[in-house]
PDB file of N, CA and C in Angstrom:
ATOM      1  N   UNK A   1     -27.456 -14.153 -10.134  1.00  0.00           N
ATOM      2  CA  UNK A   1     -26.411 -13.803  -9.167  1.00  0.00           C
ATOM      3  C   UNK A   1     -25.963 -12.359  -9.398  1.00  0.00           C
ATOM      4  N   UNK A   2     -25.776 -11.639  -8.332  1.00  0.00           N
ATOM      5  CA  UNK A   2     -25.275 -10.269  -8.411  1.00  0.00           C
ATOM      6  C   UNK A   2     -23.839 -10.288  -8.920  1.00  0.00           C
ATOM      7  N   UNK A   3     -23.415  -9.168  -9.451  1.00  0.00           N
ATOM      8  CA  UNK A   3     -22.045  -9.098  -9.973  1.00  0.00           C
ATOM      9  C   UNK A   3     -21.273  -7.945  -9.331  1.00  0.00           C
ATOM     10  N   UNK A   4     -21.517  -7.721  -8.050  1.00  0.00           N
ATOM     11  CA  UNK A   4     -20.909  -6.592  -7.346  1.00  0.00           C
ATOM     12  C   UNK A   4     -19.382  -6.611  -7.380  1.00  0.00           C
ATOM     13  N   UNK A   5     -18.791  -7.751  -7.060  1.00  0.00           N
ATOM     14  CA  UNK A   5     -17.329  -7.832  -7.056  1.00  0.00           C
ATOM     15  C   UNK A   5     -16.793  -7.714  -8.474  1.00  0.00           C
ATOM     16  N   UNK A   6     -17.447  -8.368  -9.407  1.00  0.00           N
ATOM     17  CA  UNK A   6     -17.041  -8.290 -10.811  1.00  0.00           C
ATOM     18  C   UNK A   6     -16.975  -6.829 -11.251  1.00  0.00           C
ATOM     19  N   UNK A   7     -18.050  -6.075 -11.020  1.00  0.00           N
ATOM     20  CA  UNK A   7     -18.097  -4.679 -11.466  1.00  0.00           C
ATOM     21  C   UNK A   7     -17.051  -3.820 -10.756  1.00  0.00           C
ATOM     22  N   UNK A   8     -16.877  -4.022  -9.461  1.00  0.00           N
ATOM     23  CA  UNK A   8     -15.910  -3.227  -8.700  1.00  0.00           C
ATOM     24  C   UNK A   8     -14.490  -3.491  -9.184  1.00  0.00           C
ATOM     25  N   UNK A   9     -14.133  -4.760  -9.330  1.00  0.00           N
ATOM     26  CA  UNK A   9     -12.774  -5.116  -9.757  1.00  0.00           C
ATOM     27  C   UNK A   9     -12.509  -4.608 -11.172  1.00  0.00           C
ATOM     28  N   UNK A  10     -13.448  -4.852 -12.060  1.00  0.00           N
ATOM     29  CA  UNK A  10     -13.255  -4.439 -13.457  1.00  0.00           C
ATOM     30  C   UNK A  10     -13.106  -2.925 -13.581  1.00  0.00           C
ATOM     31  N   UNK A  11     -13.992  -2.184 -12.925  1.00  0.00           N
ATOM     32  CA  UNK A  11     -13.933  -0.723 -13.010  1.00  0.00           C
ATOM     33  C   UNK A  11     -12.632  -0.182 -12.427  1.00  0.00           C
ATOM     34  N   UNK A  12     -12.225  -0.706 -11.285  1.00  0.00           N
ATOM     35  CA  UNK A  12     -11.009  -0.199 -10.643  1.00  0.00           C
ATOM     36  C   UNK A  12      -9.761  -0.587 -11.433  1.00  0.00           C
ATOM     37  N   UNK A  13      -9.729  -1.819 -11.953  1.00  0.00           N
ATOM     38  CA  UNK A  13      -8.576  -2.249 -12.761  1.00  0.00           C
ATOM     39  C   UNK A  13      -8.431  -1.339 -13.972  1.00  0.00           C
ATOM     40  N   UNK A  14      -9.545  -1.052 -14.641  1.00  0.00           N
ATOM     41  CA  UNK A  14      -9.499  -0.185 -15.811  1.00  0.00           C
ATOM     42  C   UNK A  14      -9.127   1.245 -15.425  1.00  0.00           C
ATOM     43  N   UNK A  15      -9.654   1.717 -14.308  1.00  0.00           N
ATOM     44  CA  UNK A  15      -9.328   3.062 -13.820  1.00  0.00           C
ATOM     45  C   UNK A  15      -7.826   3.205 -13.576  1.00  0.00           C
ATOM     46  N   UNK A  16      -7.222   2.155 -13.041  1.00  0.00           N
ATOM     47  CA  UNK A  16      -5.776   2.182 -12.765  1.00  0.00           C
ATOM     48  C   UNK A  16      -4.940   1.863 -13.999  1.00  0.00           C
ATOM     49  N   UNK A  17      -5.585   1.438 -15.085  1.00  0.00           N
ATOM     50  CA  UNK A  17      -4.866   1.101 -16.316  1.00  0.00           C
ATOM     51  C   UNK A  17      -4.033  -0.165 -16.197  1.00  0.00           C
ATOM     52  N   UNK A  18      -4.510  -1.128 -15.416  1.00  0.00           N
ATOM     53  CA  UNK A  18      -3.755  -2.354 -15.183  1.00  0.00           C
ATOM     54  C   UNK A  18      -4.272  -3.493 -16.061  1.00  0.00           C
ATOM     55  N   UNK A  19      -3.364  -4.317 -16.519  1.00  0.00           N
ATOM     56  CA  UNK A  19      -3.731  -5.556 -17.204  1.00  0.00           C
ATOM     57  C   UNK A  19      -4.040  -6.607 -16.138  1.00  0.00           C
ATOM     58  N   UNK A  20      -4.596  -7.741 -16.564  1.00  0.00           N
ATOM     59  CA  UNK A  20      -4.816  -8.831 -15.607  1.00  0.00           C
ATOM     60  C   UNK A  20      -3.488  -9.248 -14.993  1.00  0.00           C
ATOM     61  N   UNK A  21      -2.468  -9.344 -15.829  1.00  0.00           N
ATOM     62  CA  UNK A  21      -1.150  -9.778 -15.353  1.00  0.00           C
ATOM     63  C   UNK A  21      -0.574  -8.799 -14.322  1.00  0.00           C
ATOM     64  N   UNK A  22      -0.639  -7.493 -14.628  1.00  0.00           N
ATOM     65  CA  UNK A  22      -0.049  -6.520 -13.705  1.00  0.00           C
ATOM     66  C   UNK A  22      -0.852  -6.426 -12.402  1.00  0.00           C
ATOM     67  N   UNK A  23      -2.178  -6.571 -12.492  1.00  0.00           N
ATOM     68  CA  UNK A  23      -2.973  -6.566 -11.266  1.00  0.00           C
ATOM     69  C   UNK A  23      -2.661  -7.795 -10.416  1.00  0.00           C
ATOM     70  N   UNK A  24      -2.562  -8.942 -11.061  1.00  0.00           N
ATOM     71  CA  UNK A  24      -2.224 -10.162 -10.316  1.00  0.00           C
ATOM     72  C   UNK A  24      -0.863 -10.016  -9.632  1.00  0.00           C
ATOM     73  N   UNK A  25       0.093  -9.445 -10.350  1.00  0.00           N
ATOM     74  CA  UNK A  25       1.439  -9.272  -9.786  1.00  0.00           C
ATOM     75  C   UNK A  25       1.437  -8.322  -8.594  1.00  0.00           C
ATOM     76  N   UNK A  26       0.554  -7.333  -8.617  1.00  0.00           N
ATOM     77  CA  UNK A  26       0.485  -6.355  -7.526  1.00  0.00           C
ATOM     78  C   UNK A  26      -0.370  -6.829  -6.359  1.00  0.00           C
ATOM     79  N   UNK A  27      -1.136  -7.892  -6.555  1.00  0.00           N
ATOM     80  CA  UNK A  27      -2.096  -8.348  -5.548  1.00  0.00           C
ATOM     81  C   UNK A  27      -1.477  -9.421  -4.658  1.00  0.00           C
ATOM     82  N   UNK A  28      -0.744  -8.968  -3.652  1.00  0.00           N
ATOM     83  CA  UNK A  28      -0.084  -9.864  -2.703  1.00  0.00           C
ATOM     84  C   UNK A  28      -0.361  -9.351  -1.296  1.00  0.00           C
ATOM     85  N   UNK A  29      -0.874 -10.217  -0.453  1.00  0.00           N
ATOM     86  CA  UNK A  29      -1.086  -9.872   0.954  1.00  0.00           C
ATOM     87  C   UNK A  29       0.168 -10.262   1.713  1.00  0.00           C
ATOM     88  N   UNK A  30       0.897  -9.269   2.214  1.00  0.00           N
ATOM     89  CA  UNK A  30       2.173  -9.558   2.868  1.00  0.00           C
ATOM     90  C   UNK A  30       2.004 -10.339   4.169  1.00  0.00           C
ATOM     91  N   UNK A  31       0.865 -10.166   4.838  1.00  0.00           N
ATOM     92  CA  UNK A  31       0.662 -10.880   6.103  1.00  0.00           C
ATOM     93  C   UNK A  31       0.476 -12.375   5.890  1.00  0.00           C
ATOM     94  N   UNK A  32      -0.367 -12.747   4.933  1.00  0.00           N
ATOM     95  CA  UNK A  32      -0.663 -14.169   4.730  1.00  0.00           C
ATOM     96  C   UNK A  32       0.129 -14.788   3.583  1.00  0.00           C
ATOM     97  N   UNK A  33       0.677 -13.947   2.715  1.00  0.00           N
ATOM     98  CA  UNK A  33       1.359 -14.456   1.527  1.00  0.00           C
ATOM     99  C   UNK A  33       0.400 -14.814   0.399  1.00  0.00           C
ATOM    100  N   UNK A  34      -0.903 -14.546   0.592  1.00  0.00           N
ATOM    101  CA  UNK A  34      -1.897 -14.869  -0.439  1.00  0.00           C
ATOM    102  C   UNK A  34      -1.670 -14.013  -1.673  1.00  0.00           C
ATOM    103  N   UNK A  35      -1.951 -14.617  -2.821  1.00  0.00           N
ATOM    104  CA  UNK A  35      -1.838 -13.930  -4.106  1.00  0.00           C
ATOM    105  C   UNK A  35      -3.138 -14.143  -4.882  1.00  0.00           C
ATOM    106  N   UNK A  36      -3.304 -13.344  -5.913  1.00  0.00           N
ATOM    107  CA  UNK A  36      -4.466 -13.467  -6.794  1.00  0.00           C
ATOM    108  C   UNK A  36      -3.941 -13.863  -8.168  1.00  0.00           C
ATOM    109  N   UNK A  37      -4.492 -14.919  -8.738  1.00  0.00           N
ATOM    110  CA  UNK A  37      -4.016 -15.353 -10.049  1.00  0.00           C
ATOM    111  C   UNK A  37      -4.692 -14.564 -11.161  1.00  0.00           C
ATOM    112  N   UNK A  38      -3.970 -14.365 -12.263  1.00  0.00           N
ATOM    113  CA  UNK A  38      -4.564 -13.642 -13.382  1.00  0.00           C
ATOM    114  C   UNK A  38      -5.708 -14.448 -13.985  1.00  0.00           C
ATOM    115  N   UNK A  39      -5.643 -15.768 -13.920  1.00  0.00           N
ATOM    116  CA  UNK A  39      -6.738 -16.602 -14.419  1.00  0.00           C
ATOM    117  C   UNK A  39      -8.014 -16.392 -13.626  1.00  0.00           C
ATOM    118  N   UNK A  40      -7.901 -16.298 -12.309  1.00  0.00           N
ATOM    119  CA  UNK A  40      -9.077 -16.048 -11.473  1.00  0.00           C
ATOM    120  C   UNK A  40      -9.659 -14.673 -11.792  1.00  0.00           C
ATOM    121  N   UNK A  41      -8.786 -13.677 -11.932  1.00  0.00           N
ATOM    122  CA  UNK A  41      -9.248 -12.326 -12.272  1.00  0.00           C
ATOM    123  C   UNK A  41      -9.987 -12.320 -13.603  1.00  0.00           C
ATOM    124  N   UNK A  42      -9.417 -12.994 -14.591  1.00  0.00           N
ATOM    125  CA  UNK A  42     -10.041 -13.050 -15.914  1.00  0.00           C
ATOM    126  C   UNK A  42     -11.409 -13.720 -15.840  1.00  0.00           C
ATOM    127  N   UNK A  43     -11.480 -14.843 -15.157  1.00  0.00           N
ATOM    128  CA  UNK A  43     -12.768 -15.544 -15.028  1.00  0.00           C
ATOM    129  C   UNK A  43     -13.786 -14.689 -14.288  1.00  0.00           C
ATOM    130  N   UNK A  44     -13.351 -14.011 -13.237  1.00  0.00           N
ATOM    131  CA  UNK A  44     -14.259 -13.140 -12.493  1.00  0.00           C
ATOM    132  C   UNK A  44     -14.832 -12.068 -13.410  1.00  0.00           C
ATOM    133  N   UNK A  45     -13.952 -11.357 -14.114  1.00  0.00           N
ATOM    134  CA  UNK A  45     -14.396 -10.234 -14.942  1.00  0.00           C
ATOM    135  C   UNK A  45     -15.217 -10.658 -16.154  1.00  0.00           C
ATOM    136  N   UNK A  46     -15.024 -11.867 -16.632  1.00  0.00           N
ATOM    137  CA  UNK A  46     -15.784 -12.308 -17.800  1.00  0.00           C
ATOM    138  C   UNK A  46     -17.053 -13.048 -17.408  1.00  0.00           C
ATOM    139  N   UNK A  47     -17.298 -13.177 -16.122  1.00  0.00           N
ATOM    140  CA  UNK A  47     -18.514 -13.816 -15.650  1.00  0.00           C
ATOM    141  C   UNK A  47     -18.463 -15.328 -15.660  1.00  0.00           C
ATOM    142  N   UNK A  48     -17.281 -15.887 -15.877  1.00  0.00           N
ATOM    143  CA  UNK A  48     -17.125 -17.340 -15.829  1.00  0.00           C
ATOM    144  C   UNK A  48     -17.224 -17.805 -14.376  1.00  0.00           C
ATOM    145  N   UNK A  49     -17.559 -19.062 -14.156  1.00  0.00           N
ATOM    146  CA  UNK A  49     -17.638 -19.551 -12.768  1.00  0.00           C
ATOM    147  C   UNK A  49     -16.293 -19.402 -12.044  1.00  0.00           C
ATOM    148  N   UNK A  50     -16.363 -18.879 -10.844  1.00  0.00           N
ATOM    149  CA  UNK A  50     -15.168 -18.742  -9.998  1.00  0.00           C
ATOM    150  C   UNK A  50     -15.529 -19.140  -8.581  1.00  0.00           C
ATOM    151  N   UNK A  51     -14.538 -19.582  -7.873  1.00  0.00           N
ATOM    152  CA  UNK A  51     -14.695 -19.895  -6.455  1.00  0.00           C
ATOM    153  C   UNK A  51     -14.692 -18.577  -5.685  1.00  0.00           C
ATOM    154  N   UNK A  52     -15.543 -18.472  -4.689  1.00  0.00           N
ATOM    155  CA  UNK A  52     -15.559 -17.268  -3.856  1.00  0.00           C
ATOM    156  C   UNK A  52     -14.175 -17.059  -3.250  1.00  0.00           C
ATOM    157  N   UNK A  53     -13.691 -15.819  -3.253  1.00  0.00           N
ATOM    158  CA  UNK A  53     -12.355 -15.555  -2.719  1.00  0.00           C
ATOM    159  C   UNK A  53     -12.318 -15.683  -1.201  1.00  0.00           C
ATOM    160  N   UNK A  54     -11.193 -16.134  -0.697  1.00  0.00           N
ATOM    161  CA  UNK A  54     -10.991 -16.197   0.754  1.00  0.00           C
ATOM    162  C   UNK A  54     -10.721 -14.791   1.282  1.00  0.00           C
ATOM    163  N   UNK A  55     -10.738 -14.659   2.588  1.00  0.00           N
ATOM    164  CA  UNK A  55     -10.429 -13.371   3.208  1.00  0.00           C
ATOM    165  C   UNK A  55      -9.021 -12.918   2.831  1.00  0.00           C
ATOM    166  N   UNK A  56      -8.096 -13.872   2.748  1.00  0.00           N
ATOM    167  CA  UNK A  56      -6.711 -13.536   2.399  1.00  0.00           C
ATOM    168  C   UNK A  56      -6.597 -13.075   0.944  1.00  0.00           C
ATOM    169  N   UNK A  57      -7.333 -13.709   0.059  1.00  0.00           N
ATOM    170  CA  UNK A  57      -7.309 -13.299  -1.361  1.00  0.00           C
ATOM    171  C   UNK A  57      -7.916 -11.911  -1.502  1.00  0.00           C
ATOM    172  N   UNK A  58      -8.976 -11.635  -0.771  1.00  0.00           N
ATOM    173  CA  UNK A  58      -9.553 -10.290  -0.816  1.00  0.00           C
ATOM    174  C   UNK A  58      -8.562  -9.252  -0.290  1.00  0.00           C
ATOM    175  N   UNK A  59      -7.804  -9.611   0.738  1.00  0.00           N
ATOM    176  CA  UNK A  59      -6.789  -8.691   1.269  1.00  0.00           C
ATOM    177  C   UNK A  59      -5.717  -8.424   0.215  1.00  0.00           C
ATOM    178  N   UNK A  60      -5.317  -9.463  -0.497  1.00  0.00           N
ATOM    179  CA  UNK A  60      -4.327  -9.299  -1.566  1.00  0.00           C
ATOM    180  C   UNK A  60      -4.893  -8.422  -2.676  1.00  0.00           C
ATOM    181  N   UNK A  61      -6.138  -8.654  -3.041  1.00  0.00           N
ATOM    182  CA  UNK A  61      -6.782  -7.868  -4.088  1.00  0.00           C
ATOM    183  C   UNK A  61      -6.910  -6.401  -3.684  1.00  0.00           C
ATOM    184  N   UNK A  62      -7.174  -6.153  -2.413  1.00  0.00           N
ATOM    185  CA  UNK A  62      -7.259  -4.776  -1.914  1.00  0.00           C
ATOM    186  C   UNK A  62      -5.938  -4.043  -2.120  1.00  0.00           C
ATOM    187  N   UNK A  63      -4.832  -4.751  -1.931  1.00  0.00           N
ATOM    188  CA  UNK A  63      -3.511  -4.147  -2.151  1.00  0.00           C
ATOM    189  C   UNK A  63      -3.345  -3.798  -3.626  1.00  0.00           C
ATOM    190  N   UNK A  64      -3.627  -4.753  -4.493  1.00  0.00           N
ATOM    191  CA  UNK A  64      -3.449  -4.532  -5.925  1.00  0.00           C
ATOM    192  C   UNK A  64      -4.346  -3.448  -6.489  1.00  0.00           C
ATOM    193  N   UNK A  65      -5.577  -3.369  -5.985  1.00  0.00           N
ATOM    194  CA  UNK A  65      -6.529  -2.379  -6.493  1.00  0.00           C
ATOM    195  C   UNK A  65      -6.476  -1.054  -5.741  1.00  0.00           C
ATOM    196  N   UNK A  66      -5.692  -1.036  -4.652  1.00  0.00           N
ATOM    197  CA  UNK A  66      -5.580   0.165  -3.818  1.00  0.00           C
ATOM    198  C   UNK A  66      -6.956   0.627  -3.355  1.00  0.00           C
ATOM    199  N   UNK A  67      -7.692  -0.328  -2.798  1.00  0.00           N
ATOM    200  CA  UNK A  67      -9.027  -0.073  -2.259  1.00  0.00           C
ATOM    201  C   UNK A  67      -9.078  -0.509  -0.805  1.00  0.00           C
ATOM    202  N   UNK A  68     -10.022   0.028  -0.075  1.00  0.00           N
ATOM    203  CA  UNK A  68     -10.255  -0.426   1.287  1.00  0.00           C
ATOM    204  C   UNK A  68     -10.741  -1.870   1.239  1.00  0.00           C
ATOM    205  N   UNK A  69     -10.221  -2.698   2.110  1.00  0.00           N
ATOM    206  CA  UNK A  69     -10.613  -4.103   2.166  1.00  0.00           C
ATOM    207  C   UNK A  69     -12.119  -4.247   2.361  1.00  0.00           C
ATOM    208  N   UNK A  70     -12.712  -3.382   3.159  1.00  0.00           N
ATOM    209  CA  UNK A  70     -14.157  -3.466   3.436  1.00  0.00           C
ATOM    210  C   UNK A  70     -14.986  -3.376   2.160  1.00  0.00           C
ATOM    211  N   UNK A  71     -14.566  -2.540   1.199  1.00  0.00           N
ATOM    212  CA  UNK A  71     -15.315  -2.433  -0.070  1.00  0.00           C
ATOM    213  C   UNK A  71     -15.328  -3.765  -0.799  1.00  0.00           C
ATOM    214  N   UNK A  72     -14.186  -4.441  -0.845  1.00  0.00           N
ATOM    215  CA  UNK A  72     -14.102  -5.740  -1.521  1.00  0.00           C
ATOM    216  C   UNK A  72     -14.876  -6.806  -0.758  1.00  0.00           C
ATOM    217  N   UNK A  73     -14.790  -6.774   0.558  1.00  0.00           N
ATOM    218  CA  UNK A  73     -15.536  -7.747   1.359  1.00  0.00           C
ATOM    219  C   UNK A  73     -17.037  -7.604   1.138  1.00  0.00           C
ATOM    220  N   UNK A  74     -17.520  -6.377   1.123  1.00  0.00           N
ATOM    221  CA  UNK A  74     -18.946  -6.131   0.900  1.00  0.00           C
ATOM    222  C   UNK A  74     -19.380  -6.600  -0.489  1.00  0.00           C
ATOM    223  N   UNK A  75     -18.570  -6.286  -1.499  1.00  0.00           N
ATOM    224  CA  UNK A  75     -18.908  -6.689  -2.864  1.00  0.00           C
ATOM    225  C   UNK A  75     -18.894  -8.205  -3.006  1.00  0.00           C
ATOM    226  N   UNK A  76     -17.920  -8.865  -2.399  1.00  0.00           N
ATOM    227  CA  UNK A  76     -17.849 -10.331  -2.467  1.00  0.00           C
ATOM    228  C   UNK A  76     -19.011 -10.963  -1.709  1.00  0.00           C
ATOM    229  N   UNK A  77     -19.363 -10.417  -0.560  1.00  0.00           N
ATOM    230  CA  UNK A  77     -20.491 -10.953   0.208  1.00  0.00           C
ATOM    231  C   UNK A  77     -21.787 -10.832  -0.579  1.00  0.00           C
ATOM    232  N   UNK A  78     -21.947  -9.725  -1.286  1.00  0.00           N
ATOM    233  CA  UNK A  78     -23.154  -9.534  -2.096  1.00  0.00           C
ATOM    234  C   UNK A  78     -23.165 -10.475  -3.288  1.00  0.00           C
ATOM    235  N   UNK A  79     -22.039 -10.584  -3.975  1.00  0.00           N
ATOM    236  CA  UNK A  79     -21.996 -11.398  -5.192  1.00  0.00           C
ATOM    237  C   UNK A  79     -22.097 -12.890  -4.903  1.00  0.00           C
ATOM    238  N   UNK A  80     -21.377 -13.364  -3.917  1.00  0.00           N
ATOM    239  CA  UNK A  80     -21.298 -14.803  -3.701  1.00  0.00           C
ATOM    240  C   UNK A  80     -22.298 -15.339  -2.678  1.00  0.00           C
ATOM    241  N   UNK A  81     -22.764 -14.477  -1.777  1.00  0.00           N
ATOM    242  CA  UNK A  81     -23.635 -14.952  -0.704  1.00  0.00           C
ATOM    243  C   UNK A  81     -24.948 -14.188  -0.579  1.00  0.00           C
ATOM    244  N   UNK A  82     -25.150 -13.182  -1.441  1.00  0.00           N
ATOM    245  CA  UNK A  82     -26.389 -12.419  -1.407  1.00  0.00           C
ATOM    246  C   UNK A  82     -26.559 -11.543  -0.179  1.00  0.00           C
ATOM    247  N   UNK A  83     -25.472 -11.225   0.498  1.00  0.00           N
ATOM    248  CA  UNK A  83     -25.522 -10.413   1.719  1.00  0.00           C
ATOM    249  C   UNK A  83     -25.270  -8.946   1.376  1.00  0.00           C
ATOM    250  N   UNK A  84     -26.102  -8.084   1.898  1.00  0.00           N
ATOM    251  CA  UNK A  84     -25.953  -6.652   1.637  1.00  0.00           C
ATOM    252  C   UNK A  84     -26.062  -5.863   2.938  1.00  0.00           C
ATOM    253  N   UNK A  85     -25.160  -4.901   3.095  1.00  0.00           N
ATOM    254  CA  UNK A  85     -25.226  -3.975   4.230  1.00  0.00           C
ATOM    255  C   UNK A  85     -26.106  -2.796   3.841  1.00  0.00           C
ATOM    256  N   UNK A  86     -26.768  -2.204   4.813  1.00  0.00           N
ATOM    257  CA  UNK A  86     -27.447  -0.942   4.505  1.00  0.00           C
ATOM    258  C   UNK A  86     -26.383   0.077   4.089  1.00  0.00           C
ATOM    259  N   UNK A  87     -26.725   0.978   3.177  1.00  0.00           N
ATOM    260  CA  UNK A  87     -25.727   1.902   2.631  1.00  0.00           C
ATOM    261  C   UNK A  87     -24.993   2.658   3.734  1.00  0.00           C
ATOM    262  N   UNK A  88     -25.717   3.096   4.744  1.00  0.00           N
ATOM    263  CA  UNK A  88     -25.080   3.915   5.781  1.00  0.00           C
ATOM    264  C   UNK A  88     -24.029   3.151   6.581  1.00  0.00           C
ATOM    265  N   UNK A  89     -24.036   1.828   6.499  1.00  0.00           N
ATOM    266  CA  UNK A  89     -23.041   1.012   7.202  1.00  0.00           C
ATOM    267  C   UNK A  89     -21.962   0.498   6.248  1.00  0.00           C
ATOM    268  N   UNK A  90     -22.028   0.905   5.002  1.00  0.00           N
ATOM    269  CA  UNK A  90     -21.130   0.345   3.991  1.00  0.00           C
ATOM    270  C   UNK A  90     -19.769   1.039   3.955  1.00  0.00           C
ATOM    271  N   UNK A  91     -18.837   0.391   3.297  1.00  0.00           N
ATOM    272  CA  UNK A  91     -17.520   0.976   3.073  1.00  0.00           C
ATOM    273  C   UNK A  91     -17.601   2.214   2.202  1.00  0.00           C
ATOM    274  N   UNK A  92     -18.553   2.223   1.258  1.00  0.00           N
ATOM    275  CA  UNK A  92     -18.730   3.399   0.410  1.00  0.00           C
ATOM    276  C   UNK A  92     -19.131   4.605   1.253  1.00  0.00           C
ATOM    277  N   UNK A  93     -20.048   4.403   2.180  1.00  0.00           N
ATOM    278  CA  UNK A  93     -20.468   5.492   3.062  1.00  0.00           C
ATOM    279  C   UNK A  93     -19.281   5.982   3.897  1.00  0.00           C
ATOM    280  N   UNK A  94     -18.469   5.057   4.375  1.00  0.00           N
ATOM    281  CA  UNK A  94     -17.288   5.436   5.160  1.00  0.00           C
ATOM    282  C   UNK A  94     -16.312   6.254   4.318  1.00  0.00           C
ATOM    283  N   UNK A  95     -16.156   5.900   3.036  1.00  0.00           N
ATOM    284  CA  UNK A  95     -15.277   6.673   2.144  1.00  0.00           C
ATOM    285  C   UNK A  95     -15.814   8.083   1.946  1.00  0.00           C
ATOM    286  N   UNK A  96     -17.135   8.210   1.776  1.00  0.00           N
ATOM    287  CA  UNK A  96     -17.747   9.535   1.652  1.00  0.00           C
ATOM    288  C   UNK A  96     -17.469  10.373   2.897  1.00  0.00           C
ATOM    289  N   UNK A  97     -17.673   9.793   4.064  1.00  0.00           N
ATOM    290  CA  UNK A  97     -17.451  10.535   5.304  1.00  0.00           C
ATOM    291  C   UNK A  97     -15.995  10.963   5.456  1.00  0.00           C
ATOM    292  N   UNK A  98     -15.080  10.081   5.084  1.00  0.00           N
ATOM    293  CA  UNK A  98     -13.656  10.423   5.182  1.00  0.00           C
ATOM    294  C   UNK A  98     -13.314  11.575   4.233  1.00  0.00           C
ATOM    295  N   UNK A  99     -13.892  11.558   3.031  1.00  0.00           N
ATOM    296  CA  UNK A  99     -13.642  12.633   2.077  1.00  0.00           C
ATOM    297  C   UNK A  99     -14.261  13.948   2.562  1.00  0.00           C
ATOM    298  N   UNK A 100     -15.437  13.868   3.144  1.00  0.00           N
ATOM    299  CA  UNK A 100     -16.103  15.075   3.644  1.00  0.00           C
ATOM    300  C   UNK A 100     -15.349  15.694   4.812  1.00  0.00           C
ATOM    301  N   UNK A 101     -14.721  14.849   5.598  1.00  0.00           N
ATOM    302  CA  UNK A 101     -14.023  15.311   6.793  1.00  0.00           C
ATOM    303  C   UNK A 101     -12.922  16.319   6.479  1.00  0.00           C
ATOM    304  N   UNK A 102     -12.288  16.208   5.328  1.00  0.00           N
ATOM    305  CA  UNK A 102     -11.168  17.091   5.001  1.00  0.00           C
ATOM    306  C   UNK A 102     -11.606  18.385   4.326  1.00  0.00           C
ATOM    307  N   UNK A 103     -12.898  18.478   3.962  1.00  0.00           N
ATOM    308  CA  UNK A 103     -13.390  19.702   3.321  1.00  0.00           C
ATOM    309  C   UNK A 103     -13.603  20.797   4.359  1.00  0.00           C
ATOM    310  N   UNK A 104     -13.367  22.040   3.966  1.00  0.00           N
ATOM    311  CA  UNK A 104     -13.695  23.158   4.864  1.00  0.00           C
ATOM    312  C   UNK A 104     -15.213  23.201   5.095  1.00  0.00           C
ATOM    313  N   UNK A 105     -15.628  23.812   6.194  1.00  0.00           N
ATOM    314  CA  UNK A 105     -17.047  23.861   6.555  1.00  0.00           C
ATOM    315  C   UNK A 105     -17.913  24.405   5.430  1.00  0.00           C
ATOM    316  N   UNK A 106     -17.488  25.465   4.790  1.00  0.00           N
ATOM    317  CA  UNK A 106     -18.282  26.085   3.722  1.00  0.00           C
ATOM    318  C   UNK A 106     -18.510  25.137   2.555  1.00  0.00           C
ATOM    319  N   UNK A 107     -17.479  24.386   2.168  1.00  0.00           N
ATOM    320  CA  UNK A 107     -17.624  23.429   1.072  1.00  0.00           C
ATOM    321  C   UNK A 107     -18.521  22.261   1.477  1.00  0.00           C
ATOM    322  N   UNK A 108     -18.378  21.823   2.725  1.00  0.00           N
ATOM    323  CA  UNK A 108     -19.240  20.732   3.215  1.00  0.00           C
ATOM    324  C   UNK A 108     -20.704  21.163   3.175  1.00  0.00           C
ATOM    325  N   UNK A 109     -20.970  22.387   3.613  1.00  0.00           N
ATOM    326  CA  UNK A 109     -22.345  22.906   3.625  1.00  0.00           C
ATOM    327  C   UNK A 109     -22.882  23.027   2.200  1.00  0.00           C
ATOM    328  N   UNK A 110     -22.059  23.521   1.287  1.00  0.00           N
ATOM    329  CA  UNK A 110     -22.477  23.669  -0.115  1.00  0.00           C
ATOM    330  C   UNK A 110     -22.783  22.301  -0.727  1.00  0.00           C
ATOM    331  N   UNK A 111     -21.979  21.309  -0.403  1.00  0.00           N
ATOM    332  CA  UNK A 111     -22.213  19.966  -0.917  1.00  0.00           C
ATOM    333  C   UNK A 111     -23.508  19.382  -0.351  1.00  0.00           C
ATOM    334  N   UNK A 112     -23.744  19.602   0.923  1.00  0.00           N
ATOM    335  CA  UNK A 112     -24.996  19.146   1.536  1.00  0.00           C
ATOM    336  C   UNK A 112     -26.198  19.811   0.870  1.00  0.00           C
ATOM    337  N   UNK A 113     -26.099  21.115   0.611  1.00  0.00           N
ATOM    338  CA  UNK A 113     -27.190  21.827  -0.066  1.00  0.00           C
ATOM    339  C   UNK A 113     -27.447  21.220  -1.447  1.00  0.00           C
ATOM    340  N   UNK A 114     -26.383  20.929  -2.173  1.00  0.00           N
ATOM    341  CA  UNK A 114     -26.514  20.326  -3.504  1.00  0.00           C
ATOM    342  C   UNK A 114     -27.191  18.963  -3.426  1.00  0.00           C
ATOM    343  N   UNK A 115     -26.768  18.136  -2.490  1.00  0.00           N
ATOM    344  CA  UNK A 115     -27.359  16.802  -2.329  1.00  0.00           C
ATOM    345  C   UNK A 115     -28.835  16.914  -1.976  1.00  0.00           C
ATOM    346  N   UNK A 116     -29.175  17.851  -1.121  1.00  0.00           N
ATOM    347  CA  UNK A 116     -30.577  18.021  -0.751  1.00  0.00           C
ATOM    348  C   UNK A 116     -31.434  18.457  -1.939  1.00  0.00           C
ATOM    349  N   UNK A 117     -30.909  19.328  -2.781  1.00  0.00           N
ATOM    350  CA  UNK A 117     -31.628  19.732  -3.988  1.00  0.00           C
ATOM    351  C   UNK A 117     -31.814  18.525  -4.917  1.00  0.00           C
ATOM    352  N   UNK A 118     -30.751  17.750  -5.077  1.00  0.00           N
ATOM    353  CA  UNK A 118     -30.834  16.575  -5.952  1.00  0.00           C
ATOM    354  C   UNK A 118     -31.831  15.555  -5.401  1.00  0.00           C
ATOM    355  N   UNK A 119     -31.874  15.391  -4.095  1.00  0.00           N
ATOM    356  CA  UNK A 119     -32.782  14.436  -3.478  1.00  0.00           C
ATOM    357  C   UNK A 119     -34.241  14.840  -3.667  1.00  0.00           C
ATOM    358  N   UNK A 120     -34.515  16.134  -3.712  1.00  0.00           N
ATOM    359  CA  UNK A 120     -35.881  16.596  -3.926  1.00  0.00           C
ATOM    360  C   UNK A 120     -36.373  16.269  -5.340  1.00  0.00           C
ATOM    361  N   UNK A 121     -35.437  16.161  -6.288  1.00  0.00           N
ATOM    362  CA  UNK A 121     -35.795  15.856  -7.682  1.00  0.00           C
ATOM    363  C   UNK A 121     -36.177  14.401  -7.881  1.00  0.00           C
ATOM    364  N   UNK A 122     -35.956  13.565  -6.907  1.00  0.00           N
ATOM    365  CA  UNK A 122     -36.246  12.132  -7.067  1.00  0.00           C
ATOM    366  C   UNK A 122     -37.684  11.855  -6.946  1.00  0.00           C
TER     367      UNK A 122
END
């Protein structure tokens, strides 16, 4: 089984410096009232069996991790159901485009040149 959601949650939780308890406390979807339990988070990150999260739980987790919901949905779909989007349709690609949009033209061009050089090395 893939561990896409496990890796995403663990990396982001550590990046934010959150404990399981503090992440669980911050993970509340105000629309549905869904919450994420610290036990579920712990089991997810340690690779123990967990039930696939509902859409509402993913929304709550997105709040706690301060991530786009689409990134969590994609990771959960890959981990629990083996579904993968092509990269260009992914939330990660959308984040790249949003970040590029705010760069001045010269920086965008320089970044494109760098990526093209790196791609030739593959």
